[in-house]
Amino acid sequence: MTSAVEKTKARRGRIFPDRNWSPERMAKERADRAAFNQQCRAIFDRVKPELIADHYNWFIIIEPESGDYFIDADENFAVQKARQSCPNKKMLTFRINETGTCGKI
């Protein structure tokens, strides 16, 4: 005769409860991310008209502190170029088209 297996009750809650961010820190992170995105978008909007004719639907990776950008038809090659030039910098990827989006939602 088989015995009934007792199911364990699933624990609810955070995986690491000691690593909670305060609302102030979350707001600061959101503001920093929005400022970074705005800097990158400004550079993208500035260079898009000259690149869209010859490089439509290519990838552009922008490093906003220096204003450098790296383009390639393959996203992986664009990332390699960017990482070789700016190895520890935060960058943002766009697609060279009317909206700048990569992929479908």
PDB file of N, CA and C in Angstrom:
ATOM      1  N   MET A   1       0.831  -1.164   0.000  1.00  0.00           N
ATOM      2  CA  MET A   1       0.000   0.000   0.000  1.00  0.00           C
ATOM      3  C   MET A   1       0.889   1.246   0.000  1.00  0.00           C
ATOM      4  N   THR A   2       0.529   2.230  -0.830  1.00  0.00           N
ATOM      5  CA  THR A   2       1.324   3.458  -0.911  1.00  0.00           C
ATOM      6  C   THR A   2       0.789   4.485   0.065  1.00  0.00           C
ATOM      7  N   SER A   3       1.693   5.259   0.583  1.00  0.00           N
ATOM      8  CA  SER A   3       1.274   6.304   1.511  1.00  0.00           C
ATOM      9  C   SER A   3       1.079   7.602   0.746  1.00  0.00           C
ATOM     10  N   ALA A   4       0.210   8.413   1.216  1.00  0.00           N
ATOM     11  CA  ALA A   4      -0.061   9.698   0.581  1.00  0.00           C
ATOM     12  C   ALA A   4       1.130  10.630   0.816  1.00  0.00           C
ATOM     13  N   VAL A   5       1.531  11.290  -0.226  1.00  0.00           N
ATOM     14  CA  VAL A   5       2.646  12.226  -0.136  1.00  0.00           C
ATOM     15  C   VAL A   5       2.101  13.558   0.343  1.00  0.00           C
ATOM     16  N   GLU A   6       2.689  14.064   1.383  1.00  0.00           N
ATOM     17  CA  GLU A   6       2.246  15.342   1.924  1.00  0.00           C
ATOM     18  C   GLU A   6       2.884  16.463   1.124  1.00  0.00           C
ATOM     19  N   LYS A   7       2.061  17.329   0.580  1.00  0.00           N
ATOM     20  CA  LYS A   7       2.570  18.446  -0.222  1.00  0.00           C
ATOM     21  C   LYS A   7       3.071  19.547   0.701  1.00  0.00           C
ATOM     22  N   THR A   8       4.228  20.086   0.339  1.00  0.00           N
ATOM     23  CA  THR A   8       4.753  21.198   1.120  1.00  0.00           C
ATOM     24  C   THR A   8       4.079  22.474   0.656  1.00  0.00           C
ATOM     25  N   LYS A   9       3.858  23.361   1.562  1.00  0.00           N
ATOM     26  CA  LYS A   9       3.204  24.623   1.257  1.00  0.00           C
ATOM     27  C   LYS A   9       4.236  25.595   0.669  1.00  0.00           C
ATOM     28  N   ALA A  10       3.874  26.201  -0.430  1.00  0.00           N
ATOM     29  CA  ALA A  10       4.782  27.148  -1.079  1.00  0.00           C
ATOM     30  C   ALA A  10       4.940  28.392  -0.224  1.00  0.00           C
ATOM     31  N   ARG A  11       6.182  28.827  -0.067  1.00  0.00           N
ATOM     32  CA  ARG A  11       6.435  30.039   0.709  1.00  0.00           C
ATOM     33  C   ARG A  11       6.236  31.246  -0.187  1.00  0.00           C
ATOM     34  N   ARG A  12       5.621  32.231   0.346  1.00  0.00           N
ATOM     35  CA  ARG A  12       5.376  33.474  -0.392  1.00  0.00           C
ATOM     36  C   ARG A  12       6.318  34.550   0.108  1.00  0.00           C
ATOM     37  N   GLY A  13       6.705  35.433  -0.786  1.00  0.00           N
ATOM     38  CA  GLY A  13       7.544  36.558  -0.385  1.00  0.00           C
ATOM     39  C   GLY A  13       8.770  36.695  -1.264  1.00  0.00           C
ATOM     40  N   ARG A  14       9.603  37.609  -0.926  1.00  0.00           N
ATOM     41  CA  ARG A  14      10.823  37.880  -1.694  1.00  0.00           C
ATOM     42  C   ARG A  14      11.850  36.780  -1.472  1.00  0.00           C
ATOM     43  N   ILE A  15      12.665  36.569  -2.468  1.00  0.00           N
ATOM     44  CA  ILE A  15      13.728  35.580  -2.363  1.00  0.00           C
ATOM     45  C   ILE A  15      14.788  36.062  -1.375  1.00  0.00           C
ATOM     46  N   PHE A  16      15.134  37.326  -1.480  1.00  0.00           N
ATOM     47  CA  PHE A  16      16.115  37.924  -0.576  1.00  0.00           C
ATOM     48  C   PHE A  16      15.446  39.092   0.154  1.00  0.00           C
ATOM     49  N   PRO A  17      14.748  38.834   1.235  1.00  0.00           N
ATOM     50  CA  PRO A  17      14.014  39.921   1.903  1.00  0.00           C
ATOM     51  C   PRO A  17      14.915  40.998   2.487  1.00  0.00           C
ATOM     52  N   ASP A  18      16.184  40.722   2.703  1.00  0.00           N
ATOM     53  CA  ASP A  18      17.085  41.725   3.258  1.00  0.00           C
ATOM     54  C   ASP A  18      17.578  42.709   2.196  1.00  0.00           C
ATOM     55  N   ARG A  19      17.252  42.470   0.945  1.00  0.00           N
ATOM     56  CA  ARG A  19      17.716  43.338  -0.139  1.00  0.00           C
ATOM     57  C   ARG A  19      16.570  44.186  -0.697  1.00  0.00           C
ATOM     58  N   ASN A  20      15.858  44.853   0.125  1.00  0.00           N
ATOM     59  CA  ASN A  20      14.771  45.730  -0.312  1.00  0.00           C
ATOM     60  C   ASN A  20      15.295  47.141  -0.509  1.00  0.00           C
ATOM     61  N   TRP A  21      14.846  47.784  -1.596  1.00  0.00           N
ATOM     62  CA  TRP A  21      15.207  49.165  -1.860  1.00  0.00           C
ATOM     63  C   TRP A  21      14.163  50.078  -1.253  1.00  0.00           C
ATOM     64  N   SER A  22      14.598  51.190  -0.776  1.00  0.00           N
ATOM     65  CA  SER A  22      13.663  52.181  -0.251  1.00  0.00           C
ATOM     66  C   SER A  22      12.964  52.863  -1.432  1.00  0.00           C
ATOM     67  N   PRO A  23      11.795  53.445  -1.197  1.00  0.00           N
ATOM     68  CA  PRO A  23      11.107  54.156  -2.292  1.00  0.00           C
ATOM     69  C   PRO A  23      11.949  55.297  -2.860  1.00  0.00           C
ATOM     70  N   GLU A  24      12.765  55.934  -2.022  1.00  0.00           N
ATOM     71  CA  GLU A  24      13.629  57.021  -2.503  1.00  0.00           C
ATOM     72  C   GLU A  24      14.679  56.498  -3.472  1.00  0.00           C
ATOM     73  N   ARG A  25      15.265  55.343  -3.135  1.00  0.00           N
ATOM     74  CA  ARG A  25      16.281  54.769  -4.013  1.00  0.00           C
ATOM     75  C   ARG A  25      15.656  54.310  -5.332  1.00  0.00           C
ATOM     76  N   MET A  26      14.463  53.728  -5.268  1.00  0.00           N
ATOM     77  CA  MET A  26      13.786  53.307  -6.505  1.00  0.00           C
ATOM     78  C   MET A  26      13.476  54.518  -7.382  1.00  0.00           C
ATOM     79  N   ALA A  27      13.026  55.622  -6.771  1.00  0.00           N
ATOM     80  CA  ALA A  27      12.739  56.838  -7.535  1.00  0.00           C
ATOM     81  C   ALA A  27      14.009  57.408  -8.153  1.00  0.00           C
ATOM     82  N   LYS A  28      15.122  57.368  -7.414  1.00  0.00           N
ATOM     83  CA  LYS A  28      16.399  57.855  -7.942  1.00  0.00           C
ATOM     84  C   LYS A  28      16.854  56.999  -9.122  1.00  0.00           C
ATOM     85  N   GLU A  29      16.722  55.687  -9.017  1.00  0.00           N
ATOM     86  CA  GLU A  29      17.103  54.789 -10.113  1.00  0.00           C
ATOM     87  C   GLU A  29      16.263  55.058 -11.360  1.00  0.00           C
ATOM     88  N   ARG A  30      14.958  55.251 -11.168  1.00  0.00           N
ATOM     89  CA  ARG A  30      14.081  55.565 -12.305  1.00  0.00           C
ATOM     90  C   ARG A  30      14.477  56.887 -12.957  1.00  0.00           C
ATOM     91  N   ALA A  31      14.779  57.899 -12.138  1.00  0.00           N
ATOM     92  CA  ALA A  31      15.169  59.204 -12.666  1.00  0.00           C
ATOM     93  C   ALA A  31      16.503  59.113 -13.411  1.00  0.00           C
ATOM     94  N   ASP A  32      17.460  58.371 -12.867  1.00  0.00           N
ATOM     95  CA  ASP A  32      18.754  58.190 -13.534  1.00  0.00           C
ATOM     96  C   ASP A  32      18.574  57.493 -14.874  1.00  0.00           C
ATOM     97  N   ARG A  33      17.744  56.453 -14.897  1.00  0.00           N
ATOM     98  CA  ARG A  33      17.498  55.709 -16.136  1.00  0.00           C
ATOM     99  C   ARG A  33      16.814  56.600 -17.177  1.00  0.00           C
ATOM    100  N   ALA A  34      15.857  57.417 -16.739  1.00  0.00           N
ATOM    101  CA  ALA A  34      15.167  58.320 -17.666  1.00  0.00           C
ATOM    102  C   ALA A  34      16.131  59.360 -18.231  1.00  0.00           C
ATOM    103  N   ALA A  35      17.022  59.900 -17.395  1.00  0.00           N
ATOM    104  CA  ALA A  35      18.005  60.880 -17.868  1.00  0.00           C
ATOM    105  C   ALA A  35      18.970  60.250 -18.865  1.00  0.00           C
ATOM    106  N   PHE A  36      19.405  59.019 -18.573  1.00  0.00           N
ATOM    107  CA  PHE A  36      20.305  58.306 -19.485  1.00  0.00           C
ATOM    108  C   PHE A  36      19.618  58.074 -20.828  1.00  0.00           C
ATOM    109  N   ASN A  37      18.364  57.627 -20.786  1.00  0.00           N
ATOM    110  CA  ASN A  37      17.617  57.384 -22.027  1.00  0.00           C
ATOM    111  C   ASN A  37      17.432  58.670 -22.814  1.00  0.00           C
ATOM    112  N   GLN A  38      17.198  59.788 -22.130  1.00  0.00           N
ATOM    113  CA  GLN A  38      17.040  61.069 -22.809  1.00  0.00           C
ATOM    114  C   GLN A  38      18.335  61.496 -23.497  1.00  0.00           C
ATOM    115  N   GLN A  39      19.465  61.304 -22.830  1.00  0.00           N
ATOM    116  CA  GLN A  39      20.757  61.653 -23.439  1.00  0.00           C
ATOM    117  C   GLN A  39      20.983  60.839 -24.707  1.00  0.00           C
ATOM    118  N   CYS A  40      20.723  59.531 -24.624  1.00  0.00           N
ATOM    119  CA  CYS A  40      20.919  58.660 -25.787  1.00  0.00           C
ATOM    120  C   CYS A  40      19.948  59.008 -26.905  1.00  0.00           C
ATOM    121  N   ARG A  41      18.696  59.294 -26.557  1.00  0.00           N
ATOM    122  CA  ARG A  41      17.683  59.639 -27.565  1.00  0.00           C
ATOM    123  C   ARG A  41      18.058  60.927 -28.282  1.00  0.00           C
ATOM    124  N   ALA A  42      18.624  61.899 -27.575  1.00  0.00           N
ATOM    125  CA  ALA A  42      19.030  63.159 -28.206  1.00  0.00           C
ATOM    126  C   ALA A  42      20.122  62.914 -29.245  1.00  0.00           C
ATOM    127  N   ILE A  43      21.082  62.075 -28.914  1.00  0.00           N
ATOM    128  CA  ILE A  43      22.148  61.749 -29.879  1.00  0.00           C
ATOM    129  C   ILE A  43      21.559  60.988 -31.058  1.00  0.00           C
ATOM    130  N   PHE A  44      20.672  60.036 -30.776  1.00  0.00           N
ATOM    131  CA  PHE A  44      20.041  59.256 -31.845  1.00  0.00           C
ATOM    132  C   PHE A  44      19.258  60.167 -32.790  1.00  0.00           C
ATOM    133  N   ASP A  45      18.469  61.091 -32.248  1.00  0.00           N
ATOM    134  CA  ASP A  45      17.678  61.989 -33.087  1.00  0.00           C
ATOM    135  C   ASP A  45      18.567  62.907 -33.920  1.00  0.00           C
ATOM    136  N   ARG A  46      19.756  63.238 -33.403  1.00  0.00           N
ATOM    137  CA  ARG A  46      20.681  64.096 -34.138  1.00  0.00           C
ATOM    138  C   ARG A  46      21.313  63.377 -35.330  1.00  0.00           C
ATOM    139  N   VAL A  47      21.678  62.091 -35.176  1.00  0.00           N
ATOM    140  CA  VAL A  47      22.387  61.386 -36.250  1.00  0.00           C
ATOM    141  C   VAL A  47      21.467  60.567 -37.147  1.00  0.00           C
ATOM    142  N   LYS A  48      20.231  60.357 -36.732  1.00  0.00           N
ATOM    143  CA  LYS A  48      19.311  59.520 -37.509  1.00  0.00           C
ATOM    144  C   LYS A  48      19.096  60.005 -38.950  1.00  0.00           C
ATOM    145  N   PRO A  49      18.865  61.296 -39.197  1.00  0.00           N
ATOM    146  CA  PRO A  49      18.606  61.714 -40.580  1.00  0.00           C
ATOM    147  C   PRO A  49      19.734  61.400 -41.559  1.00  0.00           C
ATOM    148  N   GLU A  50      20.976  61.498 -41.115  1.00  0.00           N
ATOM    149  CA  GLU A  50      22.083  61.230 -42.037  1.00  0.00           C
ATOM    150  C   GLU A  50      22.348  59.732 -42.211  1.00  0.00           C
ATOM    151  N   LEU A  51      21.926  58.901 -41.260  1.00  0.00           N
ATOM    152  CA  LEU A  51      22.190  57.464 -41.344  1.00  0.00           C
ATOM    153  C   LEU A  51      21.033  56.662 -41.920  1.00  0.00           C
ATOM    154  N   ILE A  52      19.828  57.187 -41.870  1.00  0.00           N
ATOM    155  CA  ILE A  52      18.662  56.391 -42.224  1.00  0.00           C
ATOM    156  C   ILE A  52      18.639  56.030 -43.716  1.00  0.00           C
ATOM    157  N   ALA A  53      19.201  56.860 -44.572  1.00  0.00           N
ATOM    158  CA  ALA A  53      19.179  56.585 -46.008  1.00  0.00           C
ATOM    159  C   ALA A  53      20.063  55.396 -46.374  1.00  0.00           C
ATOM    160  N   ASP A  54      21.253  55.315 -45.806  1.00  0.00           N
ATOM    161  CA  ASP A  54      22.201  54.273 -46.188  1.00  0.00           C
ATOM    162  C   ASP A  54      22.194  53.057 -45.271  1.00  0.00           C
ATOM    163  N   HIS A  55      21.725  53.207 -44.050  1.00  0.00           N
ATOM    164  CA  HIS A  55      21.824  52.126 -43.066  1.00  0.00           C
ATOM    165  C   HIS A  55      20.466  51.812 -42.439  1.00  0.00           C
ATOM    166  N   TYR A  56      19.418  51.767 -43.220  1.00  0.00           N
ATOM    167  CA  TYR A  56      18.075  51.532 -42.685  1.00  0.00           C
ATOM    168  C   TYR A  56      17.992  50.149 -42.026  1.00  0.00           C
ATOM    169  N   ASN A  57      17.427  50.117 -40.822  1.00  0.00           N
ATOM    170  CA  ASN A  57      17.240  48.914 -39.996  1.00  0.00           C
ATOM    171  C   ASN A  57      18.550  48.317 -39.488  1.00  0.00           C
ATOM    172  N   TRP A  58      19.624  49.057 -39.510  1.00  0.00           N
ATOM    173  CA  TRP A  58      20.855  48.630 -38.854  1.00  0.00           C
ATOM    174  C   TRP A  58      20.739  48.962 -37.378  1.00  0.00           C
ATOM    175  N   PHE A  59      21.650  48.443 -36.593  1.00  0.00           N
ATOM    176  CA  PHE A  59      21.678  48.715 -35.158  1.00  0.00           C
ATOM    177  C   PHE A  59      22.674  49.820 -34.868  1.00  0.00           C
ATOM    178  N   ILE A  60      22.325  50.680 -33.925  1.00  0.00           N
ATOM    179  CA  ILE A  60      23.225  51.735 -33.470  1.00  0.00           C
ATOM    180  C   ILE A  60      23.300  51.647 -31.951  1.00  0.00           C
ATOM    181  N   ILE A  61      24.510  51.616 -31.444  1.00  0.00           N
ATOM    182  CA  ILE A  61      24.738  51.568 -30.004  1.00  0.00           C
ATOM    183  C   ILE A  61      25.392  52.883 -29.612  1.00  0.00           C
ATOM    184  N   ILE A  62      24.775  53.571 -28.661  1.00  0.00           N
ATOM    185  CA  ILE A  62      25.195  54.921 -28.302  1.00  0.00           C
ATOM    186  C   ILE A  62      25.761  54.945 -26.891  1.00  0.00           C
ATOM    187  N   GLU A  63      26.914  55.593 -26.749  1.00  0.00           N
ATOM    188  CA  GLU A  63      27.518  55.838 -25.442  1.00  0.00           C
ATOM    189  C   GLU A  63      27.392  57.345 -25.206  1.00  0.00           C
ATOM    190  N   PRO A  64      26.487  57.775 -24.308  1.00  0.00           N
ATOM    191  CA  PRO A  64      26.137  59.196 -24.242  1.00  0.00           C
ATOM    192  C   PRO A  64      27.185  60.117 -23.628  1.00  0.00           C
ATOM    193  N   GLU A  65      28.075  59.625 -22.788  1.00  0.00           N
ATOM    194  CA  GLU A  65      29.061  60.512 -22.157  1.00  0.00           C
ATOM    195  C   GLU A  65      30.006  61.123 -23.183  1.00  0.00           C
ATOM    196  N   SER A  66      30.482  60.301 -24.112  1.00  0.00           N
ATOM    197  CA  SER A  66      31.397  60.806 -25.133  1.00  0.00           C
ATOM    198  C   SER A  66      30.681  61.168 -26.428  1.00  0.00           C
ATOM    199  N   GLY A  67      29.462  60.683 -26.593  1.00  0.00           N
ATOM    200  CA  GLY A  67      28.727  60.930 -27.825  1.00  0.00           C
ATOM    201  C   GLY A  67      29.089  59.957 -28.931  1.00  0.00           C
ATOM    202  N   ASP A  68      29.896  58.940 -28.624  1.00  0.00           N
ATOM    203  CA  ASP A  68      30.277  57.947 -29.630  1.00  0.00           C
ATOM    204  C   ASP A  68      29.104  57.028 -29.937  1.00  0.00           C
ATOM    205  N   TYR A  69      29.072  56.572 -31.176  1.00  0.00           N
ATOM    206  CA  TYR A  69      28.072  55.576 -31.541  1.00  0.00           C
ATOM    207  C   TYR A  69      28.696  54.580 -32.510  1.00  0.00           C
ATOM    208  N   PHE A  70      28.154  53.373 -32.497  1.00  0.00           N
ATOM    209  CA  PHE A  70      28.689  52.276 -33.294  1.00  0.00           C
ATOM    210  C   PHE A  70      27.530  51.657 -34.051  1.00  0.00           C
ATOM    211  N   ILE A  71      27.701  51.466 -35.364  1.00  0.00           N
ATOM    212  CA  ILE A  71      26.613  50.909 -36.163  1.00  0.00           C
ATOM    213  C   ILE A  71      27.080  49.654 -36.881  1.00  0.00           C
ATOM    214  N   ASP A  72      26.147  48.733 -37.088  1.00  0.00           N
ATOM    215  CA  ASP A  72      26.394  47.528 -37.866  1.00  0.00           C
ATOM    216  C   ASP A  72      25.053  46.902 -38.193  1.00  0.00           C
ATOM    217  N   ALA A  73      25.021  46.124 -39.257  1.00  0.00           N
ATOM    218  CA  ALA A  73      23.786  45.443 -39.637  1.00  0.00           C
ATOM    219  C   ALA A  73      23.455  44.313 -38.670  1.00  0.00           C
ATOM    220  N   ASP A  74      24.471  43.729 -38.062  1.00  0.00           N
ATOM    221  CA  ASP A  74      24.285  42.653 -37.096  1.00  0.00           C
ATOM    222  C   ASP A  74      24.479  43.227 -35.690  1.00  0.00           C
ATOM    223  N   GLU A  75      23.512  42.976 -34.820  1.00  0.00           N
ATOM    224  CA  GLU A  75      23.573  43.537 -33.475  1.00  0.00           C
ATOM    225  C   GLU A  75      24.795  43.040 -32.704  1.00  0.00           C
ATOM    226  N   ASN A  76      25.147  41.772 -32.884  1.00  0.00           N
ATOM    227  CA  ASN A  76      26.299  41.215 -32.163  1.00  0.00           C
ATOM    228  C   ASN A  76      27.601  41.900 -32.560  1.00  0.00           C
ATOM    229  N   PHE A  77      27.776  42.197 -33.841  1.00  0.00           N
ATOM    230  CA  PHE A  77      28.990  42.888 -34.279  1.00  0.00           C
ATOM    231  C   PHE A  77      29.018  44.329 -33.764  1.00  0.00           C
ATOM    232  N   ALA A  78      27.856  44.970 -33.719  1.00  0.00           N
ATOM    233  CA  ALA A  78      27.793  46.327 -33.176  1.00  0.00           C
ATOM    234  C   ALA A  78      28.174  46.325 -31.698  1.00  0.00           C
ATOM    235  N   VAL A  79      27.716  45.336 -30.960  1.00  0.00           N
ATOM    236  CA  VAL A  79      28.057  45.222 -29.542  1.00  0.00           C
ATOM    237  C   VAL A  79      29.556  44.979 -29.383  1.00  0.00           C
ATOM    238  N   GLN A  80      30.136  44.128 -30.233  1.00  0.00           N
ATOM    239  CA  GLN A  80      31.572  43.868 -30.157  1.00  0.00           C
ATOM    240  C   GLN A  80      32.375  45.149 -30.393  1.00  0.00           C
ATOM    241  N   LYS A  81      31.970  45.923 -31.400  1.00  0.00           N
ATOM    242  CA  LYS A  81      32.662  47.185 -31.684  1.00  0.00           C
ATOM    243  C   LYS A  81      32.576  48.124 -30.481  1.00  0.00           C
ATOM    244  N   ALA A  82      31.386  48.213 -29.910  1.00  0.00           N
ATOM    245  CA  ALA A  82      31.179  49.123 -28.779  1.00  0.00           C
ATOM    246  C   ALA A  82      31.978  48.677 -27.569  1.00  0.00           C
ATOM    247  N   ARG A  83      32.007  47.394 -27.277  1.00  0.00           N
ATOM    248  CA  ARG A  83      32.724  46.880 -26.109  1.00  0.00           C
ATOM    249  C   ARG A  83      34.237  47.007 -26.272  1.00  0.00           C
ATOM    250  N   GLN A  84      34.739  46.928 -27.508  1.00  0.00           N
ATOM    251  CA  GLN A  84      36.170  47.112 -27.720  1.00  0.00           C
ATOM    252  C   GLN A  84      36.577  48.556 -27.458  1.00  0.00           C
ATOM    253  N   SER A  85      35.735  49.477 -27.862  1.00  0.00           N
ATOM    254  CA  SER A  85      36.067  50.885 -27.706  1.00  0.00           C
ATOM    255  C   SER A  85      35.769  51.408 -26.301  1.00  0.00           C
ATOM    256  N   CYS A  86      34.640  51.000 -25.745  1.00  0.00           N
ATOM    257  CA  CYS A  86      34.217  51.471 -24.409  1.00  0.00           C
ATOM    258  C   CYS A  86      33.846  50.264 -23.558  1.00  0.00           C
ATOM    259  N   PRO A  87      34.817  49.573 -22.982  1.00  0.00           N
ATOM    260  CA  PRO A  87      34.530  48.296 -22.331  1.00  0.00           C
ATOM    261  C   PRO A  87      33.654  48.368 -21.086  1.00  0.00           C
ATOM    262  N   ASN A  88      33.743  49.415 -20.300  1.00  0.00           N
ATOM    263  CA  ASN A  88      33.006  49.461 -19.035  1.00  0.00           C
ATOM    264  C   ASN A  88      31.983  50.587 -18.986  1.00  0.00           C
ATOM    265  N   LYS A  89      31.497  50.993 -20.121  1.00  0.00           N
ATOM    266  CA  LYS A  89      30.544  52.094 -20.175  1.00  0.00           C
ATOM    267  C   LYS A  89      29.128  51.550 -20.373  1.00  0.00           C
ATOM    268  N   LYS A  90      28.166  52.319 -19.901  1.00  0.00           N
ATOM    269  CA  LYS A  90      26.765  51.983 -20.088  1.00  0.00           C
ATOM    270  C   LYS A  90      26.326  52.543 -21.434  1.00  0.00           C
ATOM    271  N   MET A  91      25.673  51.709 -22.259  1.00  0.00           N
ATOM    272  CA  MET A  91      25.268  52.112 -23.599  1.00  0.00           C
ATOM    273  C   MET A  91      23.834  51.698 -23.854  1.00  0.00           C
ATOM    274  N   LEU A  92      23.251  52.249 -24.917  1.00  0.00           N
ATOM    275  CA  LEU A  92      21.869  51.955 -25.269  1.00  0.00           C
ATOM    276  C   LEU A  92      21.800  51.632 -26.755  1.00  0.00           C
ATOM    277  N   THR A  93      20.980  50.644 -27.094  1.00  0.00           N
ATOM    278  CA  THR A  93      20.850  50.198 -28.480  1.00  0.00           C
ATOM    279  C   THR A  93      19.552  50.710 -29.079  1.00  0.00           C
ATOM    280  N   PHE A  94      19.647  51.215 -30.302  1.00  0.00           N
ATOM    281  CA  PHE A  94      18.488  51.615 -31.091  1.00  0.00           C
ATOM    282  C   PHE A  94      18.580  50.914 -32.432  1.00  0.00           C
ATOM    283  N   ARG A  95      17.504  50.980 -33.179  1.00  0.00           N
ATOM    284  CA  ARG A  95      17.492  50.516 -34.564  1.00  0.00           C
ATOM    285  C   ARG A  95      17.343  51.751 -35.428  1.00  0.00           C
ATOM    286  N   ILE A  96      18.092  51.849 -36.506  1.00  0.00           N
ATOM    287  CA  ILE A  96      18.041  53.037 -37.357  1.00  0.00           C
ATOM    288  C   ILE A  96      16.806  52.922 -38.247  1.00  0.00           C
ATOM    289  N   ASN A  97      15.697  53.417 -37.738  1.00  0.00           N
ATOM    290  CA  ASN A  97      14.449  53.508 -38.485  1.00  0.00           C
ATOM    291  C   ASN A  97      13.687  54.709 -37.960  1.00  0.00           C
ATOM    292  N   GLU A  98      12.424  54.842 -38.312  1.00  0.00           N
ATOM    293  CA  GLU A  98      11.659  56.025 -37.937  1.00  0.00           C
ATOM    294  C   GLU A  98      11.484  56.145 -36.427  1.00  0.00           C
ATOM    295  N   THR A  99      11.311  55.022 -35.734  1.00  0.00           N
ATOM    296  CA  THR A  99      11.016  55.063 -34.298  1.00  0.00           C
ATOM    297  C   THR A  99      12.216  54.744 -33.427  1.00  0.00           C
ATOM    298  N   GLY A 100      13.178  53.988 -33.927  1.00  0.00           N
ATOM    299  CA  GLY A 100      14.337  53.608 -33.143  1.00  0.00           C
ATOM    300  C   GLY A 100      14.152  52.324 -32.369  1.00  0.00           C
ATOM    301  N   THR A 101      13.007  51.666 -32.543  1.00  0.00           N
ATOM    302  CA  THR A 101      12.740  50.440 -31.770  1.00  0.00           C
ATOM    303  C   THR A 101      13.393  49.234 -32.397  1.00  0.00           C
ATOM    304  N   CYS A 102      13.744  48.270 -31.541  1.00  0.00           N
ATOM    305  CA  CYS A 102      14.346  47.015 -31.961  1.00  0.00           C
ATOM    306  C   CYS A 102      13.330  45.905 -31.700  1.00  0.00           C
ATOM    307  N   GLY A 103      12.778  45.309 -32.734  1.00  0.00           N
ATOM    308  CA  GLY A 103      11.865  44.197 -32.552  1.00  0.00           C
ATOM    309  C   GLY A 103      10.419  44.622 -32.431  1.00  0.00           C
ATOM    310  N   LYS A 104       9.570  43.634 -32.184  1.00  0.00           N
ATOM    311  CA  LYS A 104       8.124  43.853 -32.094  1.00  0.00           C
ATOM    312  C   LYS A 104       7.666  43.623 -30.673  1.00  0.00           C
ATOM    313  N   ILE A 105       6.620  44.319 -30.312  1.00  0.00           N
ATOM    314  CA  ILE A 105       6.025  44.110 -28.980  1.00  0.00           C
ATOM    315  C   ILE A 105       4.696  43.418 -29.167  1.00  0.00           C
TER     316      ILE A 105
END
